[in-house]
Amino acid sequence: MGTVIMHSVVSVDGFIADGNDDVGPLHEWYFSGDVPLTGGGDEEYDHSGSGSAIKVSRASAEYVRPMWESIGAIVMGRHLFDLVNGWEGRPPAGDHVVVVSHRPKPDGWHPEASYHFVDDVTAAIRKAQELAGDRVVSVNAGEVGGQIFVAGLVDEVAMDVVPVVFGSGKRYFGGISGQHLLEEPDVLVQGDRVLHLKYKVRRQATGRRLKDT
């Protein structure tokens, strides 16, 4: 089975968005360089949601591009799914998406898209790994990501740290409590207005069921 990586862009004080789900300057580095992350002339999904083509520094491109290409499935919470309407059935990376939710997929929503709805974090990772095969399972940070992390189901934590302090908002690890140890960072890449970090996780927790989303 492929590696499970929890990932998001994050402020230096640990927030992935403000209280209104606005990412503010967190995605500015997507447009701070001159190297495109995606190839081809067709209109691929804009991961930033800004409507502008993504161009980053060469250092960021050399780190982010292979990471995105390695992803086979994404795991996300229902709140994010509703915010972005599931990226209209076109995820920014990978071929499959597993949504953790107590509610089913909306009737008639993009039947052609490989989106699967489950109400348990353990089942979500199991389904995502089945779909991804030996490719990476990418877990979106936030409340559901935090639950998956606490359940001991995350192998690595990846953070694209942006030099901004939010002060409050939506936390990278959600509402988890207690101390959880990571290994020393095995990846550290300095981009333009972003620092890419990746840590391996020291597993020490058992599984638990999803809270209400």
N, C-alpha and C. Protein backbone atom coordinates (compact mmCIF):
# COMPACT_ATOMS: atom_id res chain seq x y z
N MET A 1 0.84 -1.20 0.00
CA MET A 1 0.00 0.00 0.00
C MET A 1 0.87 1.24 0.00
N GLY A 2 0.35 2.32 -0.59
CA GLY A 2 1.09 3.55 -0.70
C GLY A 2 1.15 4.32 0.62
N THR A 3 2.05 5.27 0.67
CA THR A 3 2.23 6.12 1.84
C THR A 3 1.04 7.05 2.02
N VAL A 4 0.64 7.29 3.27
CA VAL A 4 -0.43 8.23 3.60
C VAL A 4 0.23 9.52 4.08
N ILE A 5 0.01 10.61 3.34
CA ILE A 5 0.63 11.89 3.65
C ILE A 5 -0.44 12.93 3.94
N MET A 6 -0.37 13.54 5.12
CA MET A 6 -1.26 14.65 5.47
C MET A 6 -0.59 15.94 5.00
N HIS A 7 -1.34 16.78 4.27
CA HIS A 7 -0.68 17.88 3.58
C HIS A 7 -1.58 19.10 3.49
N SER A 8 -0.97 20.29 3.62
CA SER A 8 -1.66 21.54 3.35
C SER A 8 -0.67 22.69 3.38
N VAL A 9 -1.07 23.79 2.77
CA VAL A 9 -0.37 25.06 2.97
C VAL A 9 -0.81 25.60 4.32
N VAL A 10 0.13 26.20 5.09
CA VAL A 10 -0.16 26.56 6.47
C VAL A 10 0.59 27.83 6.87
N SER A 11 -0.01 28.62 7.74
CA SER A 11 0.66 29.80 8.28
C SER A 11 1.71 29.37 9.31
N VAL A 12 2.59 30.27 9.69
CA VAL A 12 3.63 29.90 10.65
C VAL A 12 3.04 29.60 12.03
N ASP A 13 1.82 30.08 12.31
CA ASP A 13 1.20 29.75 13.59
C ASP A 13 0.18 28.62 13.46
N GLY A 14 0.23 27.87 12.34
CA GLY A 14 -0.51 26.62 12.26
C GLY A 14 -1.92 26.66 11.74
N PHE A 15 -2.28 27.68 10.95
CA PHE A 15 -3.64 27.78 10.42
C PHE A 15 -3.66 27.58 8.91
N ILE A 16 -4.69 26.87 8.43
CA ILE A 16 -4.84 26.63 6.99
C ILE A 16 -5.87 27.56 6.35
N ALA A 17 -6.56 28.34 7.17
CA ALA A 17 -7.53 29.33 6.70
C ALA A 17 -7.98 30.14 7.90
N ASP A 18 -8.64 31.28 7.64
CA ASP A 18 -9.18 32.03 8.76
C ASP A 18 -10.53 31.44 9.17
N GLY A 19 -11.23 32.08 10.09
CA GLY A 19 -12.48 31.54 10.60
C GLY A 19 -13.58 31.47 9.57
N ASN A 20 -13.42 32.22 8.45
CA ASN A 20 -14.41 32.21 7.37
C ASN A 20 -13.96 31.36 6.19
N ASP A 21 -12.96 30.52 6.42
CA ASP A 21 -12.42 29.63 5.39
C ASP A 21 -11.69 30.38 4.27
N ASP A 22 -11.28 31.61 4.54
CA ASP A 22 -10.50 32.38 3.58
C ASP A 22 -9.03 32.07 3.78
N VAL A 23 -8.32 31.69 2.71
CA VAL A 23 -6.90 31.34 2.84
C VAL A 23 -6.00 32.56 2.79
N GLY A 24 -6.56 33.72 2.47
CA GLY A 24 -5.77 34.94 2.47
C GLY A 24 -4.51 34.81 1.63
N PRO A 25 -3.34 35.19 2.22
CA PRO A 25 -2.08 35.15 1.45
C PRO A 25 -1.43 33.76 1.38
N LEU A 26 -2.08 32.73 1.91
CA LEU A 26 -1.45 31.43 1.96
C LEU A 26 -1.10 30.86 0.57
N HIS A 27 -1.86 31.25 -0.45
CA HIS A 27 -1.62 30.71 -1.79
C HIS A 27 -0.88 31.66 -2.70
N GLU A 28 -0.38 32.77 -2.18
CA GLU A 28 0.31 33.73 -3.05
C GLU A 28 1.55 33.13 -3.70
N TRP A 29 2.20 32.19 -3.02
CA TRP A 29 3.42 31.61 -3.58
C TRP A 29 3.15 30.79 -4.84
N TYR A 30 1.87 30.41 -5.05
CA TYR A 30 1.52 29.71 -6.27
C TYR A 30 1.75 30.58 -7.52
N PHE A 31 1.90 31.88 -7.32
CA PHE A 31 2.03 32.80 -8.45
C PHE A 31 3.28 33.68 -8.33
N SER A 32 4.23 33.25 -7.50
CA SER A 32 5.40 34.08 -7.23
C SER A 32 6.59 33.73 -8.12
N GLY A 33 6.46 32.73 -8.97
CA GLY A 33 7.58 32.31 -9.80
C GLY A 33 7.24 32.30 -11.27
N ASP A 34 8.07 31.60 -12.04
CA ASP A 34 7.85 31.54 -13.48
C ASP A 34 7.86 30.12 -14.03
N VAL A 35 7.76 29.12 -13.12
CA VAL A 35 7.74 27.72 -13.55
C VAL A 35 6.34 27.15 -13.35
N PRO A 36 5.64 26.77 -14.43
CA PRO A 36 4.29 26.19 -14.27
C PRO A 36 4.35 24.82 -13.62
N LEU A 37 3.36 24.52 -12.79
CA LEU A 37 3.30 23.22 -12.13
C LEU A 37 2.67 22.16 -13.00
N THR A 38 1.79 22.56 -13.91
CA THR A 38 1.11 21.60 -14.77
C THR A 38 1.48 21.87 -16.21
N GLY A 39 1.50 20.81 -17.00
CA GLY A 39 1.87 20.95 -18.40
C GLY A 39 0.66 20.88 -19.30
N GLY A 40 0.92 21.07 -20.58
CA GLY A 40 -0.17 20.97 -21.56
C GLY A 40 -0.89 22.30 -21.74
N GLY A 41 -1.64 22.38 -22.80
CA GLY A 41 -2.32 23.63 -23.12
C GLY A 41 -3.76 23.65 -22.66
N ASP A 42 -4.29 22.53 -22.18
CA ASP A 42 -5.69 22.51 -21.76
C ASP A 42 -5.83 23.16 -20.39
N GLU A 43 -7.04 23.48 -20.01
CA GLU A 43 -7.29 24.16 -18.74
C GLU A 43 -7.42 23.12 -17.64
N GLU A 44 -6.33 22.85 -16.96
CA GLU A 44 -6.38 21.93 -15.83
C GLU A 44 -6.90 22.66 -14.61
N TYR A 45 -7.35 21.91 -13.63
CA TYR A 45 -7.94 22.54 -12.45
C TYR A 45 -6.94 23.44 -11.73
N ASP A 46 -7.38 24.63 -11.39
CA ASP A 46 -6.55 25.59 -10.66
C ASP A 46 -6.69 25.31 -9.17
N HIS A 47 -5.68 24.68 -8.58
CA HIS A 47 -5.72 24.26 -7.18
C HIS A 47 -5.90 25.43 -6.23
N SER A 48 -5.45 26.61 -6.63
CA SER A 48 -5.54 27.78 -5.74
C SER A 48 -6.94 28.37 -5.72
N GLY A 49 -7.73 28.12 -6.74
CA GLY A 49 -9.07 28.68 -6.81
C GLY A 49 -9.11 30.13 -7.26
N SER A 50 -8.00 30.65 -7.76
CA SER A 50 -7.93 32.07 -8.10
C SER A 50 -8.27 32.36 -9.55
N GLY A 51 -8.25 31.35 -10.40
CA GLY A 51 -8.49 31.57 -11.81
C GLY A 51 -7.24 31.93 -12.59
N SER A 52 -6.11 32.00 -11.96
CA SER A 52 -4.84 32.31 -12.63
C SER A 52 -3.99 31.06 -12.72
N ALA A 53 -3.16 31.01 -13.75
CA ALA A 53 -2.29 29.85 -13.93
C ALA A 53 -1.25 29.80 -12.81
N ILE A 54 -0.99 28.60 -12.29
CA ILE A 54 -0.02 28.43 -11.21
C ILE A 54 1.39 28.45 -11.77
N LYS A 55 2.20 29.36 -11.24
CA LYS A 55 3.62 29.42 -11.59
C LYS A 55 4.39 29.69 -10.31
N VAL A 56 5.32 28.82 -9.99
CA VAL A 56 6.05 28.91 -8.73
C VAL A 56 7.55 29.00 -9.01
N SER A 57 8.33 29.14 -7.95
CA SER A 57 9.78 29.15 -8.11
C SER A 57 10.25 27.77 -8.57
N ARG A 58 11.44 27.72 -9.14
CA ARG A 58 11.96 26.44 -9.61
C ARG A 58 12.11 25.45 -8.46
N ALA A 59 12.56 25.94 -7.29
CA ALA A 59 12.74 25.05 -6.14
C ALA A 59 11.41 24.44 -5.72
N SER A 60 10.35 25.26 -5.68
CA SER A 60 9.02 24.74 -5.32
C SER A 60 8.51 23.76 -6.37
N ALA A 61 8.72 24.08 -7.64
CA ALA A 61 8.24 23.19 -8.71
C ALA A 61 8.91 21.83 -8.63
N GLU A 62 10.20 21.80 -8.35
CA GLU A 62 10.93 20.53 -8.28
C GLU A 62 10.49 19.69 -7.09
N TYR A 63 9.91 20.33 -6.08
CA TYR A 63 9.38 19.60 -4.93
C TYR A 63 7.91 19.22 -5.13
N VAL A 64 7.10 20.19 -5.55
CA VAL A 64 5.65 19.98 -5.59
C VAL A 64 5.23 19.08 -6.75
N ARG A 65 5.82 19.27 -7.92
CA ARG A 65 5.37 18.52 -9.10
C ARG A 65 5.44 17.00 -8.89
N PRO A 66 6.58 16.44 -8.46
CA PRO A 66 6.59 14.99 -8.24
C PRO A 66 5.67 14.54 -7.12
N MET A 67 5.46 15.40 -6.12
CA MET A 67 4.53 15.04 -5.05
C MET A 67 3.12 14.90 -5.62
N TRP A 68 2.66 15.89 -6.39
CA TRP A 68 1.33 15.83 -6.97
C TRP A 68 1.20 14.63 -7.90
N GLU A 69 2.25 14.36 -8.68
CA GLU A 69 2.20 13.25 -9.63
C GLU A 69 2.16 11.89 -8.94
N SER A 70 2.65 11.83 -7.69
CA SER A 70 2.67 10.56 -6.95
C SER A 70 1.33 10.21 -6.32
N ILE A 71 0.41 11.16 -6.27
CA ILE A 71 -0.86 10.96 -5.56
C ILE A 71 -1.82 10.11 -6.38
N GLY A 72 -2.36 9.09 -5.74
CA GLY A 72 -3.36 8.25 -6.38
C GLY A 72 -4.77 8.56 -5.91
N ALA A 73 -4.89 8.98 -4.64
CA ALA A 73 -6.21 9.28 -4.07
C ALA A 73 -6.08 10.38 -3.02
N ILE A 74 -7.12 11.19 -2.90
CA ILE A 74 -7.19 12.25 -1.90
C ILE A 74 -8.30 11.91 -0.92
N VAL A 75 -8.04 12.16 0.37
CA VAL A 75 -9.07 12.04 1.40
C VAL A 75 -9.38 13.44 1.92
N MET A 76 -10.65 13.79 1.92
CA MET A 76 -11.07 15.12 2.35
C MET A 76 -12.30 15.02 3.23
N GLY A 77 -12.58 16.07 4.00
CA GLY A 77 -13.78 16.13 4.82
C GLY A 77 -14.95 16.72 4.04
N ARG A 78 -16.15 16.55 4.56
CA ARG A 78 -17.34 17.04 3.87
C ARG A 78 -17.38 18.56 3.82
N HIS A 79 -16.83 19.21 4.85
CA HIS A 79 -16.83 20.68 4.86
C HIS A 79 -16.07 21.23 3.67
N LEU A 80 -14.87 20.70 3.42
CA LEU A 80 -14.10 21.15 2.26
C LEU A 80 -14.78 20.77 0.96
N PHE A 81 -15.34 19.57 0.91
CA PHE A 81 -16.06 19.16 -0.29
C PHE A 81 -17.14 20.16 -0.64
N ASP A 82 -17.92 20.58 0.37
CA ASP A 82 -19.00 21.54 0.13
C ASP A 82 -18.45 22.91 -0.28
N LEU A 83 -17.33 23.31 0.32
CA LEU A 83 -16.75 24.62 0.01
C LEU A 83 -16.35 24.72 -1.46
N VAL A 84 -15.72 23.68 -1.96
CA VAL A 84 -15.19 23.72 -3.33
C VAL A 84 -16.05 22.92 -4.31
N ASN A 85 -17.19 22.43 -3.83
CA ASN A 85 -18.07 21.55 -4.61
C ASN A 85 -17.27 20.41 -5.23
N GLY A 86 -16.41 19.82 -4.39
CA GLY A 86 -15.63 18.66 -4.83
C GLY A 86 -14.76 18.93 -6.04
N TRP A 87 -14.32 20.20 -6.19
CA TRP A 87 -13.51 20.58 -7.36
C TRP A 87 -14.21 20.20 -8.67
N GLU A 88 -15.55 20.20 -8.62
CA GLU A 88 -16.37 19.87 -9.80
C GLU A 88 -15.98 18.52 -10.41
N GLY A 89 -15.62 17.59 -9.52
CA GLY A 89 -15.30 16.25 -9.98
C GLY A 89 -13.92 16.11 -10.59
N ARG A 90 -13.11 17.17 -10.50
CA ARG A 90 -11.76 17.15 -11.08
C ARG A 90 -10.75 17.49 -9.99
N PRO A 91 -10.30 16.51 -9.21
CA PRO A 91 -9.37 16.79 -8.12
C PRO A 91 -8.06 17.37 -8.63
N PRO A 92 -7.38 18.19 -7.82
CA PRO A 92 -6.13 18.81 -8.24
C PRO A 92 -5.01 17.81 -8.47
N ALA A 93 -5.14 16.62 -7.90
CA ALA A 93 -4.13 15.57 -8.08
C ALA A 93 -4.79 14.22 -7.86
N GLY A 94 -4.24 13.18 -8.47
CA GLY A 94 -4.79 11.84 -8.29
C GLY A 94 -6.03 11.58 -9.12
N ASP A 95 -6.48 10.35 -9.06
CA ASP A 95 -7.63 9.92 -9.86
C ASP A 95 -8.88 9.66 -9.04
N HIS A 96 -8.74 9.60 -7.71
CA HIS A 96 -9.86 9.23 -6.86
C HIS A 96 -9.91 10.14 -5.64
N VAL A 97 -11.12 10.32 -5.09
CA VAL A 97 -11.32 11.11 -3.88
C VAL A 97 -12.23 10.34 -2.94
N VAL A 98 -11.86 10.29 -1.68
CA VAL A 98 -12.70 9.71 -0.64
C VAL A 98 -13.12 10.83 0.30
N VAL A 99 -14.42 11.02 0.46
CA VAL A 99 -14.95 12.08 1.30
C VAL A 99 -15.47 11.47 2.60
N VAL A 100 -14.97 11.98 3.73
CA VAL A 100 -15.41 11.49 5.05
C VAL A 100 -16.62 12.31 5.47
N SER A 101 -17.77 11.66 5.54
CA SER A 101 -19.01 12.37 5.82
C SER A 101 -20.09 11.39 6.27
N HIS A 102 -21.00 11.89 7.11
CA HIS A 102 -22.17 11.11 7.48
C HIS A 102 -23.28 11.26 6.44
N ARG A 103 -23.10 12.17 5.49
CA ARG A 103 -24.09 12.39 4.43
C ARG A 103 -23.60 11.78 3.13
N PRO A 104 -24.51 11.25 2.32
CA PRO A 104 -24.10 10.63 1.06
C PRO A 104 -23.73 11.67 0.00
N LYS A 105 -23.21 11.20 -1.11
CA LYS A 105 -22.92 12.09 -2.23
C LYS A 105 -24.22 12.73 -2.72
N PRO A 106 -24.20 14.02 -3.06
CA PRO A 106 -25.41 14.67 -3.55
C PRO A 106 -25.98 13.96 -4.77
N ASP A 107 -27.27 13.85 -4.83
CA ASP A 107 -27.93 13.18 -5.95
C ASP A 107 -27.53 13.83 -7.27
N GLY A 108 -27.09 12.99 -8.21
CA GLY A 108 -26.77 13.47 -9.55
C GLY A 108 -25.46 14.21 -9.68
N TRP A 109 -24.67 14.29 -8.59
CA TRP A 109 -23.43 15.07 -8.65
C TRP A 109 -22.35 14.30 -9.41
N HIS A 110 -21.92 14.82 -10.54
CA HIS A 110 -20.81 14.30 -11.35
C HIS A 110 -20.69 12.77 -11.25
N PRO A 111 -21.63 12.04 -11.81
CA PRO A 111 -21.59 10.57 -11.71
C PRO A 111 -20.35 9.96 -12.35
N GLU A 112 -19.70 10.70 -13.24
CA GLU A 112 -18.51 10.16 -13.91
C GLU A 112 -17.27 10.19 -13.03
N ALA A 113 -17.31 10.97 -11.93
CA ALA A 113 -16.13 11.16 -11.10
C ALA A 113 -15.98 10.05 -10.07
N SER A 114 -14.75 9.64 -9.81
CA SER A 114 -14.47 8.57 -8.84
C SER A 114 -14.39 9.19 -7.44
N TYR A 115 -15.54 9.50 -6.87
CA TYR A 115 -15.66 10.06 -5.52
C TYR A 115 -16.45 9.07 -4.67
N HIS A 116 -15.95 8.79 -3.48
CA HIS A 116 -16.55 7.78 -2.62
C HIS A 116 -16.78 8.38 -1.24
N PHE A 117 -17.97 8.19 -0.68
CA PHE A 117 -18.35 8.80 0.59
C PHE A 117 -18.43 7.73 1.67
N VAL A 118 -17.68 7.92 2.76
CA VAL A 118 -17.69 6.99 3.89
C VAL A 118 -17.77 7.79 5.18
N ASP A 119 -18.26 7.14 6.26
CA ASP A 119 -18.47 7.89 7.50
C ASP A 119 -17.50 7.52 8.61
N ASP A 120 -16.38 6.91 8.25
CA ASP A 120 -15.43 6.46 9.26
C ASP A 120 -14.02 6.71 8.73
N VAL A 121 -13.14 7.29 9.56
CA VAL A 121 -11.81 7.65 9.09
C VAL A 121 -10.97 6.42 8.73
N THR A 122 -11.11 5.36 9.49
CA THR A 122 -10.37 4.14 9.18
C THR A 122 -10.82 3.56 7.85
N ALA A 123 -12.13 3.52 7.64
CA ALA A 123 -12.66 3.03 6.37
C ALA A 123 -12.24 3.94 5.22
N ALA A 124 -12.14 5.24 5.48
CA ALA A 124 -11.74 6.19 4.44
C ALA A 124 -10.32 5.90 3.96
N ILE A 125 -9.41 5.70 4.90
CA ILE A 125 -8.03 5.40 4.52
C ILE A 125 -7.94 4.04 3.83
N ARG A 126 -8.68 3.07 4.33
CA ARG A 126 -8.66 1.75 3.71
C ARG A 126 -9.15 1.83 2.26
N LYS A 127 -10.24 2.57 2.03
CA LYS A 127 -10.77 2.72 0.68
C LYS A 127 -9.81 3.48 -0.21
N ALA A 128 -9.20 4.54 0.32
CA ALA A 128 -8.27 5.35 -0.46
C ALA A 128 -7.05 4.52 -0.86
N GLN A 129 -6.54 3.69 0.05
CA GLN A 129 -5.38 2.86 -0.27
C GLN A 129 -5.74 1.79 -1.31
N GLU A 130 -6.95 1.28 -1.21
CA GLU A 130 -7.42 0.30 -2.21
C GLU A 130 -7.45 0.95 -3.59
N LEU A 131 -7.93 2.19 -3.67
CA LEU A 131 -8.04 2.89 -4.94
C LEU A 131 -6.68 3.34 -5.46
N ALA A 132 -5.81 3.76 -4.55
CA ALA A 132 -4.51 4.31 -4.95
C ALA A 132 -3.48 3.25 -5.28
N GLY A 133 -3.66 2.03 -4.77
CA GLY A 133 -2.66 0.99 -5.00
C GLY A 133 -1.36 1.34 -4.30
N ASP A 134 -0.27 1.35 -5.04
CA ASP A 134 1.02 1.68 -4.42
C ASP A 134 1.34 3.16 -4.53
N ARG A 135 0.38 3.97 -4.98
CA ARG A 135 0.58 5.41 -5.05
C ARG A 135 0.21 6.07 -3.71
N VAL A 136 0.52 7.34 -3.58
CA VAL A 136 0.32 8.07 -2.33
C VAL A 136 -1.16 8.37 -2.09
N VAL A 137 -1.56 8.28 -0.82
CA VAL A 137 -2.86 8.78 -0.37
C VAL A 137 -2.61 10.12 0.30
N SER A 138 -3.19 11.18 -0.25
CA SER A 138 -3.02 12.53 0.29
C SER A 138 -4.22 12.90 1.13
N VAL A 139 -3.98 13.22 2.40
CA VAL A 139 -5.04 13.60 3.33
C VAL A 139 -5.02 15.11 3.53
N ASN A 140 -6.15 15.75 3.25
CA ASN A 140 -6.23 17.19 3.48
C ASN A 140 -6.20 17.49 4.97
N ALA A 141 -5.37 18.46 5.35
CA ALA A 141 -5.30 18.86 6.75
C ALA A 141 -6.60 19.53 7.19
N GLY A 142 -6.81 19.63 8.49
CA GLY A 142 -8.02 20.20 9.05
C GLY A 142 -8.64 19.26 10.06
N GLU A 143 -9.92 19.40 10.33
CA GLU A 143 -10.57 18.59 11.36
C GLU A 143 -10.51 17.09 11.05
N VAL A 144 -10.92 16.70 9.85
CA VAL A 144 -10.90 15.29 9.50
C VAL A 144 -9.47 14.79 9.38
N GLY A 145 -8.59 15.60 8.79
CA GLY A 145 -7.18 15.20 8.73
C GLY A 145 -6.60 14.98 10.10
N GLY A 146 -6.97 15.85 11.06
CA GLY A 146 -6.50 15.69 12.42
C GLY A 146 -6.98 14.40 13.05
N GLN A 147 -8.22 14.03 12.77
CA GLN A 147 -8.75 12.77 13.30
C GLN A 147 -8.01 11.57 12.71
N ILE A 148 -7.69 11.65 11.42
CA ILE A 148 -6.95 10.56 10.79
C ILE A 148 -5.54 10.49 11.37
N PHE A 149 -4.94 11.63 11.65
CA PHE A 149 -3.61 11.68 12.26
C PHE A 149 -3.62 11.05 13.64
N VAL A 150 -4.57 11.45 14.48
CA VAL A 150 -4.67 10.92 15.84
C VAL A 150 -4.95 9.42 15.82
N ALA A 151 -5.66 8.95 14.80
CA ALA A 151 -5.98 7.53 14.69
C ALA A 151 -4.75 6.69 14.30
N GLY A 152 -3.62 7.34 14.08
CA GLY A 152 -2.40 6.61 13.74
C GLY A 152 -2.36 6.12 12.32
N LEU A 153 -3.09 6.78 11.43
CA LEU A 153 -3.20 6.33 10.05
C LEU A 153 -2.36 7.15 9.07
N VAL A 154 -1.64 8.15 9.57
CA VAL A 154 -0.81 9.02 8.73
C VAL A 154 0.65 8.61 8.85
N ASP A 155 1.31 8.46 7.71
CA ASP A 155 2.73 8.09 7.69
C ASP A 155 3.64 9.31 7.71
N GLU A 156 3.22 10.37 7.02
CA GLU A 156 4.06 11.56 6.92
C GLU A 156 3.19 12.82 6.99
N VAL A 157 3.79 13.89 7.51
CA VAL A 157 3.14 15.20 7.57
C VAL A 157 3.91 16.15 6.68
N ALA A 158 3.24 16.74 5.69
CA ALA A 158 3.87 17.69 4.77
C ALA A 158 3.22 19.06 4.96
N MET A 159 4.04 20.08 5.12
CA MET A 159 3.55 21.44 5.32
C MET A 159 4.26 22.39 4.37
N ASP A 160 3.47 23.22 3.68
CA ASP A 160 4.02 24.32 2.90
C ASP A 160 3.82 25.58 3.75
N VAL A 161 4.85 25.97 4.48
CA VAL A 161 4.73 27.02 5.49
C VAL A 161 4.95 28.39 4.86
N VAL A 162 3.95 29.26 5.01
CA VAL A 162 3.98 30.59 4.44
C VAL A 162 4.22 31.62 5.55
N PRO A 163 5.08 32.63 5.32
CA PRO A 163 5.40 33.60 6.37
C PRO A 163 4.29 34.60 6.64
N VAL A 164 3.23 34.13 7.27
CA VAL A 164 2.13 34.98 7.71
C VAL A 164 1.60 34.42 9.01
N VAL A 165 1.15 35.29 9.91
CA VAL A 165 0.55 34.89 11.18
C VAL A 165 -0.93 35.21 11.12
N PHE A 166 -1.77 34.18 11.25
CA PHE A 166 -3.22 34.37 11.21
C PHE A 166 -3.79 34.77 12.58
N GLY A 167 -3.25 34.19 13.64
CA GLY A 167 -3.76 34.49 14.97
C GLY A 167 -4.94 33.64 15.38
N SER A 168 -5.79 33.29 14.43
CA SER A 168 -6.94 32.43 14.70
C SER A 168 -7.43 31.88 13.37
N GLY A 169 -8.31 30.88 13.44
CA GLY A 169 -8.86 30.32 12.22
C GLY A 169 -8.93 28.81 12.26
N LYS A 170 -8.81 28.17 11.10
CA LYS A 170 -8.90 26.72 10.98
C LYS A 170 -7.50 26.13 11.12
N ARG A 171 -7.31 25.27 12.11
CA ARG A 171 -5.99 24.74 12.42
C ARG A 171 -5.62 23.58 11.49
N TYR A 172 -4.33 23.48 11.22
CA TYR A 172 -3.80 22.39 10.38
C TYR A 172 -4.21 21.04 10.95
N PHE A 173 -4.06 20.85 12.26
CA PHE A 173 -4.37 19.57 12.89
C PHE A 173 -5.78 19.54 13.49
N GLY A 174 -6.62 20.51 13.15
CA GLY A 174 -7.96 20.52 13.69
C GLY A 174 -7.95 20.73 15.19
N GLY A 175 -8.88 20.09 15.87
CA GLY A 175 -9.03 20.28 17.31
C GLY A 175 -8.39 19.19 18.15
N ILE A 176 -7.33 18.55 17.65
CA ILE A 176 -6.73 17.46 18.41
C ILE A 176 -6.05 18.00 19.67
N SER A 177 -5.93 17.14 20.67
CA SER A 177 -5.24 17.49 21.90
C SER A 177 -4.18 16.45 22.19
N GLY A 178 -3.32 16.75 23.14
CA GLY A 178 -2.27 15.81 23.49
C GLY A 178 -1.02 16.01 22.64
N GLN A 179 0.03 15.36 23.04
CA GLN A 179 1.32 15.49 22.38
C GLN A 179 1.54 14.34 21.41
N HIS A 180 2.02 14.67 20.22
CA HIS A 180 2.28 13.67 19.19
C HIS A 180 3.64 13.97 18.58
N LEU A 181 4.50 12.98 18.54
CA LEU A 181 5.88 13.18 18.10
C LEU A 181 6.07 12.87 16.62
N LEU A 182 6.85 13.71 15.97
CA LEU A 182 7.28 13.48 14.60
C LEU A 182 8.78 13.26 14.59
N GLU A 183 9.28 12.67 13.52
CA GLU A 183 10.73 12.54 13.36
C GLU A 183 11.31 13.89 12.90
N GLU A 184 12.63 13.96 12.80
CA GLU A 184 13.25 15.15 12.24
C GLU A 184 12.79 15.32 10.80
N PRO A 185 12.67 16.56 10.30
CA PRO A 185 12.22 16.73 8.90
C PRO A 185 13.20 16.07 7.93
N ASP A 186 12.67 15.24 7.03
CA ASP A 186 13.53 14.59 6.04
C ASP A 186 13.49 15.31 4.71
N VAL A 187 12.62 16.34 4.61
CA VAL A 187 12.59 17.22 3.45
C VAL A 187 12.50 18.65 3.94
N LEU A 188 13.34 19.53 3.40
CA LEU A 188 13.30 20.96 3.71
C LEU A 188 13.71 21.70 2.45
N VAL A 189 12.74 22.38 1.81
CA VAL A 189 12.99 23.07 0.55
C VAL A 189 12.55 24.52 0.70
N GLN A 190 13.44 25.45 0.42
CA GLN A 190 13.12 26.87 0.48
C GLN A 190 12.64 27.35 -0.88
N GLY A 191 11.37 27.74 -0.95
CA GLY A 191 10.83 28.32 -2.18
C GLY A 191 10.75 29.83 -2.04
N ASP A 192 9.95 30.45 -2.89
CA ASP A 192 9.73 31.89 -2.83
C ASP A 192 8.47 32.15 -2.01
N ARG A 193 8.63 32.71 -0.83
CA ARG A 193 7.53 32.97 0.11
C ARG A 193 6.89 31.68 0.63
N VAL A 194 7.65 30.58 0.65
CA VAL A 194 7.14 29.33 1.20
C VAL A 194 8.30 28.43 1.58
N LEU A 195 8.12 27.67 2.66
CA LEU A 195 9.11 26.69 3.10
C LEU A 195 8.42 25.33 3.11
N HIS A 196 8.91 24.41 2.28
CA HIS A 196 8.31 23.08 2.18
C HIS A 196 8.98 22.15 3.18
N LEU A 197 8.18 21.55 4.06
CA LEU A 197 8.68 20.65 5.10
C LEU A 197 7.92 19.33 5.04
N LYS A 198 8.64 18.25 5.33
CA LYS A 198 7.98 16.95 5.42
C LYS A 198 8.60 16.17 6.57
N TYR A 199 7.74 15.58 7.40
CA TYR A 199 8.16 14.81 8.57
C TYR A 199 7.55 13.42 8.51
N LYS A 200 8.29 12.43 8.95
CA LYS A 200 7.71 11.11 9.18
C LYS A 200 7.08 11.09 10.57
N VAL A 201 6.01 10.32 10.72
CA VAL A 201 5.24 10.28 11.96
C VAL A 201 5.69 9.11 12.83
N ARG A 202 5.81 9.37 14.13
CA ARG A 202 6.00 8.29 15.10
C ARG A 202 4.61 7.81 15.51
N ARG A 203 4.21 6.65 15.05
CA ARG A 203 2.87 6.16 15.36
C ARG A 203 2.75 5.83 16.83
N GLN A 204 1.62 6.25 17.45
CA GLN A 204 1.43 5.95 18.86
C GLN A 204 -0.03 5.99 19.29
N ALA A 205 -0.95 5.98 18.33
CA ALA A 205 -2.37 6.06 18.68
C ALA A 205 -3.14 4.95 18.01
N THR A 206 -4.32 4.66 18.51
CA THR A 206 -5.21 3.65 17.93
C THR A 206 -6.35 4.34 17.22
N GLY A 207 -7.07 3.58 16.40
CA GLY A 207 -8.14 4.15 15.60
C GLY A 207 -9.32 4.63 16.41
N ARG A 208 -10.08 5.54 15.79
CA ARG A 208 -11.32 6.00 16.42
C ARG A 208 -12.25 6.46 15.32
N ARG A 209 -13.52 6.59 15.65
CA ARG A 209 -14.51 6.93 14.65
C ARG A 209 -14.56 8.44 14.44
N LEU A 210 -15.10 8.79 13.29
CA LEU A 210 -15.25 10.18 12.89
C LEU A 210 -16.21 10.92 13.80
N LYS A 211 -15.84 12.17 14.13
CA LYS A 211 -16.79 13.05 14.79
C LYS A 211 -17.76 13.56 13.73
N ASP A 212 -18.82 14.21 14.16
CA ASP A 212 -19.80 14.72 13.22
C ASP A 212 -19.17 15.81 12.38
N THR A 213 -19.45 15.82 11.07
CA THR A 213 -18.88 16.84 10.18
C THR A 213 -19.99 17.69 9.58
